[in-house]
Amino acid sequence: MGVITISINDRIERELRRLAVTRFSKSRGHLKKAITEAVEEWAEKRKEDVVTRSLELLEKGIKMGGMISKNRGDWHRR
């Protein structure tokens, strides 16, 4: 388990503590649980965004400069 020491805005700290107590009550490790859950959700959302963008790109397609006018025989004529 890693240890991270951070400094955050007082308003954000109060909000974090309030949300952690609301979600996990004031149990031991409630801040750790809240931060862990938030980061996991953030990472999952990022993965979903990457998949969504990739699917949109597949549907839209990529412009590769148009159609090739020659056929295979023209390219390999000896």
PDB file of N, CA and C in Angstrom:
ATOM      1  N   MET A   1       0.857  -1.174   0.000  1.00  0.00           N
ATOM      2  CA  MET A   1       0.000   0.000   0.000  1.00  0.00           C
ATOM      3  C   MET A   1       0.900   1.234   0.000  1.00  0.00           C
ATOM      4  N   GLY A   2       0.581   2.191  -0.852  1.00  0.00           N
ATOM      5  CA  GLY A   2       1.349   3.418  -0.946  1.00  0.00           C
ATOM      6  C   GLY A   2       0.820   4.485  -0.008  1.00  0.00           C
ATOM      7  N   VAL A   3       1.679   5.430   0.309  1.00  0.00           N
ATOM      8  CA  VAL A   3       1.299   6.561   1.149  1.00  0.00           C
ATOM      9  C   VAL A   3       1.493   7.823   0.330  1.00  0.00           C
ATOM     10  N   ILE A   4       0.461   8.655   0.277  1.00  0.00           N
ATOM     11  CA  ILE A   4       0.515   9.907  -0.467  1.00  0.00           C
ATOM     12  C   ILE A   4       0.173  11.037   0.492  1.00  0.00           C
ATOM     13  N   THR A   5       0.999  12.060   0.516  1.00  0.00           N
ATOM     14  CA  THR A   5       0.722  13.252   1.311  1.00  0.00           C
ATOM     15  C   THR A   5       0.408  14.379   0.341  1.00  0.00           C
ATOM     16  N   ILE A   6      -0.755  14.999   0.502  1.00  0.00           N
ATOM     17  CA  ILE A   6      -1.158  16.060  -0.420  1.00  0.00           C
ATOM     18  C   ILE A   6      -1.631  17.284   0.350  1.00  0.00           C
ATOM     19  N   SER A   7      -1.608  18.417  -0.311  1.00  0.00           N
ATOM     20  CA  SER A   7      -2.206  19.647   0.210  1.00  0.00           C
ATOM     21  C   SER A   7      -3.325  20.022  -0.748  1.00  0.00           C
ATOM     22  N   ILE A   8      -4.524  20.205  -0.203  1.00  0.00           N
ATOM     23  CA  ILE A   8      -5.651  20.591  -1.042  1.00  0.00           C
ATOM     24  C   ILE A   8      -6.334  21.809  -0.449  1.00  0.00           C
ATOM     25  N   ASN A   9      -7.075  22.481  -1.268  1.00  0.00           N
ATOM     26  CA  ASN A   9      -7.843  23.652  -0.882  1.00  0.00           C
ATOM     27  C   ASN A   9      -8.753  23.302   0.299  1.00  0.00           C
ATOM     28  N   ASP A  10      -8.896  24.222   1.262  1.00  0.00           N
ATOM     29  CA  ASP A  10      -9.722  23.970   2.450  1.00  0.00           C
ATOM     30  C   ASP A  10     -11.158  23.620   2.082  1.00  0.00           C
ATOM     31  N   ARG A  11     -11.718  24.291   1.096  1.00  0.00           N
ATOM     32  CA  ARG A  11     -13.088  24.019   0.675  1.00  0.00           C
ATOM     33  C   ARG A  11     -13.218  22.595   0.142  1.00  0.00           C
ATOM     34  N   ILE A  12     -12.240  22.167  -0.645  1.00  0.00           N
ATOM     35  CA  ILE A  12     -12.248  20.809  -1.195  1.00  0.00           C
ATOM     36  C   ILE A  12     -12.093  19.782  -0.071  1.00  0.00           C
ATOM     37  N   GLU A  13     -11.251  20.080   0.892  1.00  0.00           N
ATOM     38  CA  GLU A  13     -11.070  19.159   2.021  1.00  0.00           C
ATOM     39  C   GLU A  13     -12.371  18.985   2.798  1.00  0.00           C
ATOM     40  N   ARG A  14     -13.057  20.080   3.077  1.00  0.00           N
ATOM     41  CA  ARG A  14     -14.335  19.994   3.800  1.00  0.00           C
ATOM     42  C   ARG A  14     -15.349  19.176   3.009  1.00  0.00           C
ATOM     43  N   GLU A  15     -15.395  19.411   1.698  1.00  0.00           N
ATOM     44  CA  GLU A  15     -16.327  18.670   0.844  1.00  0.00           C
ATOM     45  C   GLU A  15     -15.977  17.181   0.826  1.00  0.00           C
ATOM     46  N   LEU A  16     -14.684  16.861   0.723  1.00  0.00           N
ATOM     47  CA  LEU A  16     -14.238  15.470   0.744  1.00  0.00           C
ATOM     48  C   LEU A  16     -14.649  14.789   2.044  1.00  0.00           C
ATOM     49  N   ARG A  17     -14.395  15.445   3.155  1.00  0.00           N
ATOM     50  CA  ARG A  17     -14.750  14.865   4.458  1.00  0.00           C
ATOM     51  C   ARG A  17     -16.264  14.681   4.578  1.00  0.00           C
ATOM     52  N   ARG A  18     -17.026  15.665   4.119  1.00  0.00           N
ATOM     53  CA  ARG A  18     -18.484  15.576   4.195  1.00  0.00           C
ATOM     54  C   ARG A  18     -18.997  14.412   3.348  1.00  0.00           C
ATOM     55  N   LEU A  19     -18.495  14.316   2.121  1.00  0.00           N
ATOM     56  CA  LEU A  19     -18.920  13.232   1.237  1.00  0.00           C
ATOM     57  C   LEU A  19     -18.497  11.859   1.763  1.00  0.00           C
ATOM     58  N   ALA A  20     -17.294  11.783   2.329  1.00  0.00           N
ATOM     59  CA  ALA A  20     -16.804  10.506   2.867  1.00  0.00           C
ATOM     60  C   ALA A  20     -17.666  10.036   4.032  1.00  0.00           C
ATOM     61  N   VAL A  21     -18.050  10.963   4.915  1.00  0.00           N
ATOM     62  CA  VAL A  21     -18.904  10.602   6.050  1.00  0.00           C
ATOM     63  C   VAL A  21     -20.287  10.196   5.554  1.00  0.00           C
ATOM     64  N   THR A  22     -20.806  10.912   4.566  1.00  0.00           N
ATOM     65  CA  THR A  22     -22.120  10.583   4.012  1.00  0.00           C
ATOM     66  C   THR A  22     -22.115   9.186   3.392  1.00  0.00           C
ATOM     67  N   ARG A  23     -21.056   8.859   2.682  1.00  0.00           N
ATOM     68  CA  ARG A  23     -20.990   7.575   1.952  1.00  0.00           C
ATOM     69  C   ARG A  23     -20.595   6.409   2.848  1.00  0.00           C
ATOM     70  N   PHE A  24     -19.621   6.628   3.752  1.00  0.00           N
ATOM     71  CA  PHE A  24     -19.046   5.528   4.532  1.00  0.00           C
ATOM     72  C   PHE A  24     -19.228   5.683   6.040  1.00  0.00           C
ATOM     73  N   SER A  25     -20.011   6.634   6.472  1.00  0.00           N
ATOM     74  CA  SER A  25     -20.145   7.031   7.879  1.00  0.00           C
ATOM     75  C   SER A  25     -18.767   7.415   8.409  1.00  0.00           C
ATOM     76  N   LYS A  26     -18.645   7.576   9.681  1.00  0.00           N
ATOM     77  CA  LYS A  26     -17.358   8.023  10.223  1.00  0.00           C
ATOM     78  C   LYS A  26     -16.554   6.804  10.680  1.00  0.00           C
ATOM     79  N   SER A  27     -16.578   5.769   9.878  1.00  0.00           N
ATOM     80  CA  SER A  27     -15.855   4.542  10.211  1.00  0.00           C
ATOM     81  C   SER A  27     -14.359   4.732   9.975  1.00  0.00           C
ATOM     82  N   ARG A  28     -13.607   3.816  10.515  1.00  0.00           N
ATOM     83  CA  ARG A  28     -12.157   3.861  10.352  1.00  0.00           C
ATOM     84  C   ARG A  28     -11.817   3.749   8.856  1.00  0.00           C
ATOM     85  N   GLY A  29     -10.992   4.660   8.370  1.00  0.00           N
ATOM     86  CA  GLY A  29     -10.552   4.630   6.984  1.00  0.00           C
ATOM     87  C   GLY A  29     -11.547   5.198   5.987  1.00  0.00           C
ATOM     88  N   HIS A  30     -12.511   5.992   6.469  1.00  0.00           N
ATOM     89  CA  HIS A  30     -13.532   6.502   5.551  1.00  0.00           C
ATOM     90  C   HIS A  30     -12.957   7.412   4.473  1.00  0.00           C
ATOM     91  N   LEU A  31     -11.934   8.197   4.786  1.00  0.00           N
ATOM     92  CA  LEU A  31     -11.312   9.052   3.762  1.00  0.00           C
ATOM     93  C   LEU A  31     -10.594   8.202   2.716  1.00  0.00           C
ATOM     94  N   LYS A  32      -9.873   7.187   3.182  1.00  0.00           N
ATOM     95  CA  LYS A  32      -9.170   6.292   2.257  1.00  0.00           C
ATOM     96  C   LYS A  32     -10.164   5.610   1.319  1.00  0.00           C
ATOM     97  N   LYS A  33     -11.262   5.130   1.865  1.00  0.00           N
ATOM     98  CA  LYS A  33     -12.275   4.459   1.050  1.00  0.00           C
ATOM     99  C   LYS A  33     -12.869   5.418   0.020  1.00  0.00           C
ATOM    100  N   ALA A  34     -13.158   6.641   0.452  1.00  0.00           N
ATOM    101  CA  ALA A  34     -13.769   7.621  -0.452  1.00  0.00           C
ATOM    102  C   ALA A  34     -12.822   7.991  -1.591  1.00  0.00           C
ATOM    103  N   ILE A  35     -11.570   8.228  -1.265  1.00  0.00           N
ATOM    104  CA  ILE A  35     -10.598   8.613  -2.291  1.00  0.00           C
ATOM    105  C   ILE A  35     -10.347   7.443  -3.242  1.00  0.00           C
ATOM    106  N   THR A  36     -10.221   6.241  -2.699  1.00  0.00           N
ATOM    107  CA  THR A  36     -10.009   5.061  -3.536  1.00  0.00           C
ATOM    108  C   THR A  36     -11.170   4.866  -4.502  1.00  0.00           C
ATOM    109  N   GLU A  37     -12.386   4.970  -3.992  1.00  0.00           N
ATOM    110  CA  GLU A  37     -13.568   4.812  -4.843  1.00  0.00           C
ATOM    111  C   GLU A  37     -13.614   5.884  -5.933  1.00  0.00           C
ATOM    112  N   ALA A  38     -13.297   7.124  -5.562  1.00  0.00           N
ATOM    113  CA  ALA A  38     -13.332   8.224  -6.531  1.00  0.00           C
ATOM    114  C   ALA A  38     -12.311   8.012  -7.647  1.00  0.00           C
ATOM    115  N   VAL A  39     -11.104   7.590  -7.290  1.00  0.00           N
ATOM    116  CA  VAL A  39     -10.066   7.375  -8.301  1.00  0.00           C
ATOM    117  C   VAL A  39     -10.431   6.193  -9.201  1.00  0.00           C
ATOM    118  N   GLU A  40     -10.994   5.125  -8.616  1.00  0.00           N
ATOM    119  CA  GLU A  40     -11.413   3.979  -9.428  1.00  0.00           C
ATOM    120  C   GLU A  40     -12.508   4.380 -10.414  1.00  0.00           C
ATOM    121  N   GLU A  41     -13.476   5.174  -9.963  1.00  0.00           N
ATOM    122  CA  GLU A  41     -14.540   5.645 -10.859  1.00  0.00           C
ATOM    123  C   GLU A  41     -13.979   6.547 -11.952  1.00  0.00           C
ATOM    124  N   TRP A  42     -13.034   7.400 -11.585  1.00  0.00           N
ATOM    125  CA  TRP A  42     -12.388   8.303 -12.539  1.00  0.00           C
ATOM    126  C   TRP A  42     -11.663   7.482 -13.617  1.00  0.00           C
ATOM    127  N   ALA A  43     -10.922   6.464 -13.194  1.00  0.00           N
ATOM    128  CA  ALA A  43     -10.190   5.626 -14.144  1.00  0.00           C
ATOM    129  C   ALA A  43     -11.155   4.864 -15.051  1.00  0.00           C
ATOM    130  N   GLU A  44     -12.241   4.345 -14.493  1.00  0.00           N
ATOM    131  CA  GLU A  44     -13.231   3.615 -15.285  1.00  0.00           C
ATOM    132  C   GLU A  44     -13.887   4.535 -16.312  1.00  0.00           C
ATOM    133  N   LYS A  45     -14.205   5.761 -15.904  1.00  0.00           N
ATOM    134  CA  LYS A  45     -14.809   6.723 -16.831  1.00  0.00           C
ATOM    135  C   LYS A  45     -13.844   7.041 -17.967  1.00  0.00           C
ATOM    136  N   ARG A  46     -12.581   7.168 -17.643  1.00  0.00           N
ATOM    137  CA  ARG A  46     -11.577   7.445 -18.677  1.00  0.00           C
ATOM    138  C   ARG A  46     -11.525   6.299 -19.685  1.00  0.00           C
ATOM    139  N   LYS A  47     -11.560   5.058 -19.200  1.00  0.00           N
ATOM    140  CA  LYS A  47     -11.555   3.907 -20.104  1.00  0.00           C
ATOM    141  C   LYS A  47     -12.787   3.926 -20.999  1.00  0.00           C
ATOM    142  N   GLU A  48     -13.931   4.222 -20.417  1.00  0.00           N
ATOM    143  CA  GLU A  48     -15.167   4.279 -21.197  1.00  0.00           C
ATOM    144  C   GLU A  48     -15.097   5.377 -22.251  1.00  0.00           C
ATOM    145  N   ASP A  49     -14.498   6.523 -21.894  1.00  0.00           N
ATOM    146  CA  ASP A  49     -14.353   7.619 -22.853  1.00  0.00           C
ATOM    147  C   ASP A  49     -13.459   7.212 -24.023  1.00  0.00           C
ATOM    148  N   VAL A  50     -12.385   6.484 -23.736  1.00  0.00           N
ATOM    149  CA  VAL A  50     -11.479   6.030 -24.792  1.00  0.00           C
ATOM    150  C   VAL A  50     -12.212   5.079 -25.733  1.00  0.00           C
ATOM    151  N   VAL A  51     -12.987   4.161 -25.169  1.00  0.00           N
ATOM    152  CA  VAL A  51     -13.747   3.217 -25.994  1.00  0.00           C
ATOM    153  C   VAL A  51     -14.761   3.966 -26.851  1.00  0.00           C
ATOM    154  N   THR A  52     -15.470   4.920 -26.256  1.00  0.00           N
ATOM    155  CA  THR A  52     -16.473   5.695 -26.994  1.00  0.00           C
ATOM    156  C   THR A  52     -15.836   6.450 -28.154  1.00  0.00           C
ATOM    157  N   ARG A  53     -14.708   7.124 -27.890  1.00  0.00           N
ATOM    158  CA  ARG A  53     -14.018   7.864 -28.958  1.00  0.00           C
ATOM    159  C   ARG A  53     -13.534   6.920 -30.055  1.00  0.00           C
ATOM    160  N   SER A  54     -13.039   5.757 -29.671  1.00  0.00           N
ATOM    161  CA  SER A  54     -12.558   4.786 -30.659  1.00  0.00           C
ATOM    162  C   SER A  54     -13.697   4.285 -31.537  1.00  0.00           C
ATOM    163  N   LEU A  55     -14.838   3.984 -30.924  1.00  0.00           N
ATOM    164  CA  LEU A  55     -15.993   3.524 -31.702  1.00  0.00           C
ATOM    165  C   LEU A  55     -16.502   4.612 -32.640  1.00  0.00           C
ATOM    166  N   GLU A  56     -16.505   5.859 -32.173  1.00  0.00           N
ATOM    167  CA  GLU A  56     -16.922   6.969 -33.035  1.00  0.00           C
ATOM    168  C   GLU A  56     -15.990   7.090 -34.231  1.00  0.00           C
ATOM    169  N   LEU A  57     -14.693   6.930 -33.995  1.00  0.00           N
ATOM    170  CA  LEU A  57     -13.715   7.011 -35.077  1.00  0.00           C
ATOM    171  C   LEU A  57     -13.909   5.869 -36.075  1.00  0.00           C
ATOM    172  N   LEU A  58     -14.192   4.675 -35.566  1.00  0.00           N
ATOM    173  CA  LEU A  58     -14.452   3.544 -36.465  1.00  0.00           C
ATOM    174  C   LEU A  58     -15.681   3.786 -37.328  1.00  0.00           C
ATOM    175  N   GLU A  59     -16.732   4.328 -36.731  1.00  0.00           N
ATOM    176  CA  GLU A  59     -17.955   4.603 -37.486  1.00  0.00           C
ATOM    177  C   GLU A  59     -17.739   5.704 -38.514  1.00  0.00           C
ATOM    178  N   LYS A  60     -17.000   6.737 -38.117  1.00  0.00           N
ATOM    179  CA  LYS A  60     -16.758   7.876 -39.000  1.00  0.00           C
ATOM    180  C   LYS A  60     -15.780   7.507 -40.112  1.00  0.00           C
ATOM    181  N   GLY A  61     -14.777   6.734 -39.775  1.00  0.00           N
ATOM    182  CA  GLY A  61     -13.757   6.351 -40.743  1.00  0.00           C
ATOM    183  C   GLY A  61     -12.632   7.373 -40.794  1.00  0.00           C
ATOM    184  N   ILE A  62     -11.578   7.007 -41.480  1.00  0.00           N
ATOM    185  CA  ILE A  62     -10.414   7.874 -41.609  1.00  0.00           C
ATOM    186  C   ILE A  62     -10.199   8.145 -43.090  1.00  0.00           C
ATOM    187  N   LYS A  63     -10.060   9.409 -43.456  1.00  0.00           N
ATOM    188  CA  LYS A  63      -9.811   9.757 -44.855  1.00  0.00           C
ATOM    189  C   LYS A  63      -8.367   9.409 -45.189  1.00  0.00           C
ATOM    190  N   MET A  64      -8.216   8.569 -46.197  1.00  0.00           N
ATOM    191  CA  MET A  64      -6.890   8.094 -46.576  1.00  0.00           C
ATOM    192  C   MET A  64      -6.461   8.628 -47.942  1.00  0.00           C
ATOM    193  N   GLY A  65      -7.137   9.639 -48.454  1.00  0.00           N
ATOM    194  CA  GLY A  65      -6.717  10.231 -49.709  1.00  0.00           C
ATOM    195  C   GLY A  65      -7.492   9.778 -50.926  1.00  0.00           C
ATOM    196  N   GLY A  66      -8.588   9.126 -50.748  1.00  0.00           N
ATOM    197  CA  GLY A  66      -9.419   8.756 -51.889  1.00  0.00           C
ATOM    198  C   GLY A  66      -9.238   7.316 -52.312  1.00  0.00           C
ATOM    199  N   MET A  67      -9.823   7.000 -53.464  1.00  0.00           N
ATOM    200  CA  MET A  67      -9.812   5.635 -53.989  1.00  0.00           C
ATOM    201  C   MET A  67      -8.607   5.433 -54.902  1.00  0.00           C
ATOM    202  N   ILE A  68      -8.102   4.224 -54.928  1.00  0.00           N
ATOM    203  CA  ILE A  68      -7.020   3.860 -55.843  1.00  0.00           C
ATOM    204  C   ILE A  68      -7.659   3.462 -57.167  1.00  0.00           C
ATOM    205  N   SER A  69      -7.206   4.103 -58.257  1.00  0.00           N
ATOM    206  CA  SER A  69      -7.852   3.879 -59.556  1.00  0.00           C
ATOM    207  C   SER A  69      -7.330   2.644 -60.279  1.00  0.00           C
ATOM    208  N   LYS A  70      -6.191   2.142 -59.897  1.00  0.00           N
ATOM    209  CA  LYS A  70      -5.641   0.969 -60.578  1.00  0.00           C
ATOM    210  C   LYS A  70      -6.111  -0.295 -59.873  1.00  0.00           C
ATOM    211  N   ASN A  71      -6.147  -1.376 -60.647  1.00  0.00           N
ATOM    212  CA  ASN A  71      -6.489  -2.653 -60.027  1.00  0.00           C
ATOM    213  C   ASN A  71      -5.210  -3.451 -59.786  1.00  0.00           C
ATOM    214  N   ARG A  72      -5.337  -4.587 -59.190  1.00  0.00           N
ATOM    215  CA  ARG A  72      -4.174  -5.398 -58.830  1.00  0.00           C
ATOM    216  C   ARG A  72      -3.327  -5.751 -60.058  1.00  0.00           C
ATOM    217  N   GLY A  73      -3.981  -6.069 -61.151  1.00  0.00           N
ATOM    218  CA  GLY A  73      -3.258  -6.428 -62.377  1.00  0.00           C
ATOM    219  C   GLY A  73      -2.388  -5.292 -62.896  1.00  0.00           C
ATOM    220  N   ASP A  74      -2.884  -4.056 -62.807  1.00  0.00           N
ATOM    221  CA  ASP A  74      -2.100  -2.900 -63.260  1.00  0.00           C
ATOM    222  C   ASP A  74      -0.846  -2.717 -62.410  1.00  0.00           C
ATOM    223  N   TRP A  75      -0.961  -2.961 -61.140  1.00  0.00           N
ATOM    224  CA  TRP A  75       0.176  -2.767 -60.235  1.00  0.00           C
ATOM    225  C   TRP A  75       1.238  -3.847 -60.432  1.00  0.00           C
ATOM    226  N   HIS A  76       0.834  -5.039 -60.805  1.00  0.00           N
ATOM    227  CA  HIS A  76       1.768  -6.163 -60.885  1.00  0.00           C
ATOM    228  C   HIS A  76       2.050  -6.607 -62.317  1.00  0.00           C
ATOM    229  N   ARG A  77       1.767  -5.774 -63.302  1.00  0.00           N
ATOM    230  CA  ARG A  77       2.003  -6.100 -64.712  1.00  0.00           C
ATOM    231  C   ARG A  77       3.509  -6.222 -64.948  1.00  0.00           C
ATOM    232  N   ARG A  78       3.889  -7.232 -65.706  1.00  0.00           N
ATOM    233  CA  ARG A  78       5.325  -7.447 -65.943  1.00  0.00           C
ATOM    234  C   ARG A  78       5.697  -7.160 -67.348  1.00  0.00           C
TER     235      ARG A  78
END
